[in-house]
């Protein structure tokens, strides 16, 4: 998908204030955007962090997204995940500038920000729709909802004992797991915790949901890949053991025996902007050091 240059007039900036090294690249981006004739806004935290005293501000990323045609996010994958959740439903594309470590979600490296902005403003980009996941926690007649871009993880608490989880898919029993935990991963999240736990790398345009057990007691238990339109119900069976539900590793809820968690595709999507020349497979080759040649 491509847009004309005129479609991106108002550019919002969001930064992680815990990454001071990004201040220089934020200012470089501001200089380039002004040179390209774009209007610039940012949230109040970013303005204070990068000392952008002359740029109009909003109170938070959610309200900023409603006033912009594009969001530039300066940080690592954690920052991208947080902004994705906070701006879900706005329809505004996000371009990540990597100021973190691995940076799977950020399409632009700090050193290339000026060239990348020229490319984007010229209209040479595509937009990828990334599905969000939704988890509904049911307990004693009440419910609570979380969203995540990467994954939901149900895991044991501080006790070094396995938890027992019953999992059903679309109302049909799948199995009971005795394990350290279970990861429900979107395609975007396949290269995060799921990969570390033995799950497959999934192309982000594949409409699938992956269940990856963490240290299962039974060796025959393996990751399961299913349609992203599936509804997964996980029930905590363990007694006298704490467990938690974590969305993107950033939102945590304590679970009790008998709690049911329904995990499914959210009706919101996150739009990630990719400048011309970047791709998921190129990112894999770069981040994992894959040469693509003969051994």
Protein backbone atom coordinates (compact mmCIF):
# COMPACT_ATOMS: atom_id res chain seq x y z
CA UNK A 1 0.00 0.00 0.00
CA UNK A 2 1.36 3.42 -0.91
CA UNK A 3 0.29 6.97 -0.20
CA UNK A 4 1.20 10.23 -1.84
CA UNK A 5 3.54 12.62 -0.14
CA UNK A 6 0.67 15.04 0.54
CA UNK A 7 -1.05 12.51 2.81
CA UNK A 8 1.62 12.85 5.50
CA UNK A 9 1.58 16.47 6.60
CA UNK A 10 1.33 16.28 10.39
CA UNK A 11 4.00 14.12 12.04
CA UNK A 12 3.85 13.15 15.71
CA UNK A 13 6.92 12.27 17.80
CA UNK A 14 6.92 9.86 20.75
CA UNK A 15 10.08 8.88 22.62
CA UNK A 16 11.09 6.64 25.49
CA UNK A 17 12.51 9.00 28.17
CA UNK A 18 14.62 6.14 29.55
CA UNK A 19 16.78 6.14 26.41
CA UNK A 20 18.78 9.41 26.49
CA UNK A 21 20.82 8.38 23.46
CA UNK A 22 17.73 8.98 21.32
CA UNK A 23 17.70 12.76 21.98
CA UNK A 24 20.21 13.44 19.21
CA UNK A 25 18.28 11.42 16.64
CA UNK A 26 14.99 13.08 17.66
CA UNK A 27 16.50 16.48 16.98
CA UNK A 28 17.90 15.22 13.69
CA UNK A 29 14.41 14.06 12.73
CA UNK A 30 12.91 17.43 13.70
CA UNK A 31 15.44 19.26 11.54
CA UNK A 32 14.74 16.99 8.58
CA UNK A 33 10.96 17.23 8.92
CA UNK A 34 11.11 21.03 9.05
CA UNK A 35 13.31 20.98 5.95
CA UNK A 36 10.69 18.80 4.25
CA UNK A 37 7.94 21.25 5.19
CA UNK A 38 6.05 19.03 7.63
CA UNK A 39 4.15 20.09 10.74
CA UNK A 40 5.50 18.50 13.92
CA UNK A 41 3.72 17.64 17.17
CA UNK A 42 4.69 15.54 20.17
CA UNK A 43 3.35 14.39 23.52
CA UNK A 44 4.29 16.34 26.63
CA UNK A 45 6.69 13.67 27.93
CA UNK A 46 8.68 13.68 24.69
CA UNK A 47 8.76 17.49 24.58
CA UNK A 48 10.23 17.67 28.07
CA UNK A 49 12.64 14.78 27.50
CA UNK A 50 14.09 16.12 24.24
CA UNK A 51 13.64 19.80 25.18
CA UNK A 52 11.42 20.55 22.17
CA UNK A 53 10.12 23.81 23.60
CA UNK A 54 8.75 25.28 20.36
CA UNK A 55 6.78 22.22 19.19
CA UNK A 56 3.03 21.94 19.95
CA UNK A 57 2.23 19.15 22.43
CA UNK A 58 -0.63 16.92 23.51
CA UNK A 59 -1.18 15.24 26.85
CA UNK A 60 -0.60 11.63 25.78
CA UNK A 61 0.12 9.37 22.77
CA UNK A 62 -3.55 8.53 22.28
CA UNK A 63 -4.61 12.13 21.79
CA UNK A 64 -1.49 12.82 19.70
CA UNK A 65 -2.42 10.01 17.29
CA UNK A 66 -5.81 11.60 16.62
CA UNK A 67 -4.12 14.78 15.38
CA UNK A 68 -1.42 13.23 13.16
CA UNK A 69 -0.97 11.49 9.83
CA UNK A 70 2.08 9.53 11.03
CA UNK A 71 3.72 8.74 14.37
CA UNK A 72 7.49 8.44 14.72
CA UNK A 73 8.38 6.31 17.75
CA UNK A 74 11.93 6.54 19.12
CA UNK A 75 12.87 3.56 21.28
CA UNK A 76 13.10 -0.21 21.24
CA UNK A 77 10.47 -2.88 20.75
CA UNK A 78 9.08 -2.28 24.24
CA UNK A 79 8.33 1.34 23.36
CA UNK A 80 6.73 0.28 20.08
CA UNK A 81 4.51 -2.24 21.88
CA UNK A 82 3.34 0.34 24.40
CA UNK A 83 2.56 2.96 21.75
CA UNK A 84 0.77 0.36 19.61
CA UNK A 85 -1.60 -0.42 22.47
CA UNK A 86 -2.10 3.21 23.48
CA UNK A 87 -2.98 4.30 19.94
CA UNK A 88 -4.92 1.20 18.82
CA UNK A 89 -8.03 2.14 16.88
CA UNK A 90 -6.68 5.52 15.73
CA UNK A 91 -5.77 4.22 12.27
CA UNK A 92 -2.54 6.24 12.28
CA UNK A 93 0.55 4.44 10.94
CA UNK A 94 3.62 4.09 13.15
CA UNK A 95 7.24 4.27 12.04
CA UNK A 96 9.75 2.99 14.58
CA UNK A 97 13.22 4.52 14.95
CA UNK A 98 15.33 1.95 16.78
CA UNK A 99 17.02 3.29 19.90
CA UNK A 100 16.94 -0.06 21.69
CA UNK A 101 18.66 -3.40 21.23
CA UNK A 102 17.23 -5.98 18.80
CA UNK A 103 14.53 -3.78 17.31
CA UNK A 104 12.30 -6.13 15.28
CA UNK A 105 9.41 -3.65 15.16
CA UNK A 106 11.44 -0.52 14.44
CA UNK A 107 12.06 -0.27 10.70
CA UNK A 108 14.70 2.49 10.78
CA UNK A 109 18.11 2.58 12.44
CA UNK A 110 19.25 5.81 14.09
CA UNK A 111 21.99 6.49 11.54
CA UNK A 112 19.51 6.29 8.64
CA UNK A 113 16.73 8.51 9.98
CA UNK A 114 17.28 11.46 7.60
CA UNK A 115 17.30 9.28 4.48
CA UNK A 116 14.32 7.27 5.73
CA UNK A 117 12.23 10.40 6.29
CA UNK A 118 13.02 11.65 2.78
CA UNK A 119 11.90 8.29 1.41
CA UNK A 120 8.68 8.28 3.43
CA UNK A 121 7.71 11.86 2.63
CA UNK A 122 8.27 11.07 -1.06
CA UNK A 123 5.59 8.39 -0.71
CA UNK A 124 7.92 5.42 -1.13
CA UNK A 125 6.61 3.16 1.61
CA UNK A 126 4.03 0.52 2.41
CA UNK A 127 1.80 0.01 5.42
CA UNK A 128 1.45 -3.37 7.13
CA UNK A 129 -1.65 -4.12 9.17
CA UNK A 130 -0.63 -6.08 12.27
CA UNK A 131 -3.31 -7.86 14.29
CA UNK A 132 -3.71 -7.16 17.99
CA UNK A 133 -4.70 -9.87 20.44
CA UNK A 134 -7.37 -9.47 23.11
CA UNK A 135 -7.55 -11.36 26.40
CA UNK A 136 -10.72 -11.38 28.49
CA UNK A 137 -10.23 -12.55 32.08
CA UNK A 138 -13.37 -14.07 33.65
CA UNK A 139 -13.61 -14.43 37.43
CA UNK A 140 -16.71 -14.91 39.59
CA UNK A 141 -19.06 -13.24 37.13
CA UNK A 142 -16.79 -10.25 36.42
CA UNK A 143 -14.41 -9.69 33.51
CA UNK A 144 -11.44 -7.54 32.51
CA UNK A 145 -9.90 -6.95 29.09
CA UNK A 146 -6.29 -6.52 27.96
CA UNK A 147 -4.80 -6.04 24.49
CA UNK A 148 -1.37 -6.99 23.20
CA UNK A 149 0.51 -6.80 19.92
CA UNK A 150 3.09 -9.54 20.58
CA UNK A 151 1.68 -12.07 23.01
CA UNK A 152 -0.09 -13.07 26.16
CA UNK A 153 1.86 -15.23 28.62
CA UNK A 154 0.31 -17.27 31.42
CA UNK A 155 3.07 -18.26 33.80
CA UNK A 156 3.66 -19.57 37.30
CA UNK A 157 4.42 -17.22 40.17
CA UNK A 158 7.42 -17.37 42.49
CA UNK A 159 6.92 -21.01 43.48
CA UNK A 160 9.18 -23.36 41.51
CA UNK A 161 6.35 -25.77 40.72
CA UNK A 162 4.53 -26.48 37.48
CA UNK A 163 1.09 -25.02 36.93
CA UNK A 164 -1.77 -26.90 35.33
CA UNK A 165 -3.74 -25.29 32.53
CA UNK A 166 -6.72 -26.61 30.58
CA UNK A 167 -6.89 -25.28 27.03
CA UNK A 168 -9.87 -25.38 24.66
CA UNK A 169 -9.99 -24.05 21.10
CA UNK A 170 -13.34 -22.90 19.72
CA UNK A 171 -15.07 -24.79 22.51
CA UNK A 172 -13.22 -28.09 21.95
CA UNK A 173 -10.71 -29.39 24.49
CA UNK A 174 -7.14 -29.28 23.20
CA UNK A 175 -5.21 -30.61 26.19
CA UNK A 176 -4.13 -30.02 29.76
CA UNK A 177 -0.67 -28.60 30.16
CA UNK A 178 1.62 -29.09 33.15
CA UNK A 179 4.30 -26.53 32.50
CA UNK A 180 5.97 -23.31 33.60
CA UNK A 181 3.58 -21.38 31.40
CA UNK A 182 1.90 -20.93 28.03
CA UNK A 183 2.47 -18.28 25.34
CA UNK A 184 -0.31 -17.22 22.96
CA UNK A 185 1.51 -15.34 20.21
CA UNK A 186 0.39 -13.24 17.26
CA UNK A 187 2.42 -13.42 14.03
CA UNK A 188 4.16 -10.19 15.07
CA UNK A 189 5.13 -11.75 18.40
CA UNK A 190 6.55 -14.94 16.93
CA UNK A 191 10.10 -13.55 17.16
CA UNK A 192 9.72 -12.61 20.84
CA UNK A 193 9.17 -14.93 23.85
CA UNK A 194 7.57 -17.63 21.69
CA UNK A 195 10.76 -18.01 19.65
CA UNK A 196 12.88 -18.24 22.81
CA UNK A 197 10.58 -21.01 24.08
CA UNK A 198 10.92 -23.08 20.91
CA UNK A 199 8.14 -21.66 18.74
CA UNK A 200 8.40 -21.10 15.00
CA UNK A 201 9.18 -17.84 13.23
CA UNK A 202 5.94 -16.73 11.56
CA UNK A 203 5.67 -14.24 8.71
CA UNK A 204 3.66 -11.23 9.95
CA UNK A 205 1.17 -11.53 7.07
CA UNK A 206 0.15 -15.07 8.13
CA UNK A 207 -3.23 -15.06 9.91
CA UNK A 208 -2.28 -17.55 12.61
CA UNK A 209 -2.16 -17.79 16.39
CA UNK A 210 0.58 -19.89 18.01
CA UNK A 211 0.37 -21.61 21.40
CA UNK A 212 3.83 -22.36 22.77
CA UNK A 213 4.21 -24.15 26.13
CA UNK A 214 7.07 -23.10 28.41
CA UNK A 215 9.05 -26.08 29.74
CA UNK A 216 6.19 -28.62 29.50
CA UNK A 217 6.43 -31.71 31.69
CA UNK A 218 5.44 -34.04 28.82
CA UNK A 219 7.99 -34.26 26.00
CA UNK A 220 5.31 -34.92 23.35
CA UNK A 221 3.81 -31.46 23.94
CA UNK A 222 4.75 -29.13 21.10
CA UNK A 223 3.70 -25.67 19.87
CA UNK A 224 0.34 -25.57 18.08
CA UNK A 225 -0.47 -23.21 15.20
CA UNK A 226 -4.10 -22.37 14.46
CA UNK A 227 -6.22 -19.79 12.68
CA UNK A 228 -6.01 -16.28 14.09
CA UNK A 229 -9.81 -16.31 14.11
CA UNK A 230 -9.78 -19.05 16.76
CA UNK A 231 -10.95 -18.41 20.31
CA UNK A 232 -8.65 -19.98 22.90
CA UNK A 233 -9.90 -20.55 26.43
CA UNK A 234 -7.31 -21.20 29.13
CA UNK A 235 -8.48 -22.23 32.61
CA UNK A 236 -6.15 -22.22 35.59
CA UNK A 237 -6.60 -25.56 37.38
CA UNK A 238 -3.72 -25.38 39.85
CA UNK A 239 -4.58 -24.93 43.52
CA UNK A 240 -2.49 -23.06 46.08
CA UNK A 241 -0.24 -21.73 43.33
CA UNK A 242 -0.10 -18.19 41.99
CA UNK A 243 -0.08 -17.52 38.26
CA UNK A 244 0.02 -14.35 36.18
CA UNK A 245 -1.22 -13.17 32.81
CA UNK A 246 1.14 -10.74 31.06
CA UNK A 247 0.33 -8.82 27.88
CA UNK A 248 3.45 -7.92 25.89
CA UNK A 249 5.42 -8.43 29.09
CA UNK A 250 4.17 -5.04 30.29
CA UNK A 251 0.68 -5.59 31.72
CA UNK A 252 0.39 -8.14 34.53
CA UNK A 253 -2.68 -9.60 36.21
CA UNK A 254 -2.62 -12.10 39.06
CA UNK A 255 -4.73 -15.19 38.31
CA UNK A 256 -6.58 -17.41 40.77
CA UNK A 257 -7.70 -21.03 40.58
CA UNK A 258 -10.68 -21.36 38.25
CA UNK A 259 -10.01 -18.13 36.34
CA UNK A 260 -10.75 -18.39 32.63
CA UNK A 261 -8.87 -16.38 30.02
CA UNK A 262 -10.34 -16.05 26.51
CA UNK A 263 -7.72 -15.08 23.92
CA UNK A 264 -8.77 -14.00 20.44
CA UNK A 265 -8.07 -11.53 17.66
CA UNK A 266 -8.90 -7.93 18.55
CA UNK A 267 -11.04 -5.91 16.17
CA UNK A 268 -8.27 -3.27 16.22
CA UNK A 269 -5.11 -3.44 14.11
CA UNK A 270 -1.80 -1.63 14.32
CA UNK A 271 -0.50 -0.01 11.14
CA UNK A 272 3.29 -0.23 10.83
CA UNK A 273 4.90 1.90 8.14
CA UNK A 274 7.84 0.39 6.27
CA UNK A 275 10.07 2.60 4.08
CA UNK A 276 10.92 1.30 0.65
CA UNK A 277 13.67 -1.32 0.85
CA UNK A 278 12.83 -2.71 4.29
CA UNK A 279 11.17 -6.08 4.83
CA UNK A 280 10.54 -8.73 7.48
CA UNK A 281 12.95 -11.20 5.88
CA UNK A 282 15.67 -8.56 5.54
CA UNK A 283 15.21 -7.86 9.25
CA UNK A 284 15.59 -11.57 10.04
CA UNK A 285 18.82 -11.77 8.06
CA UNK A 286 20.20 -8.69 9.78
CA UNK A 287 19.16 -9.43 13.37
CA UNK A 288 20.02 -13.13 13.34
CA UNK A 289 23.16 -12.85 11.22
CA UNK A 290 21.83 -15.14 8.49
CA UNK A 291 24.19 -15.00 5.56
CA UNK A 292 21.94 -16.73 3.04
CA UNK A 293 24.99 -18.44 1.58
CA UNK A 294 26.39 -21.97 1.64
CA UNK A 295 28.04 -23.20 4.83
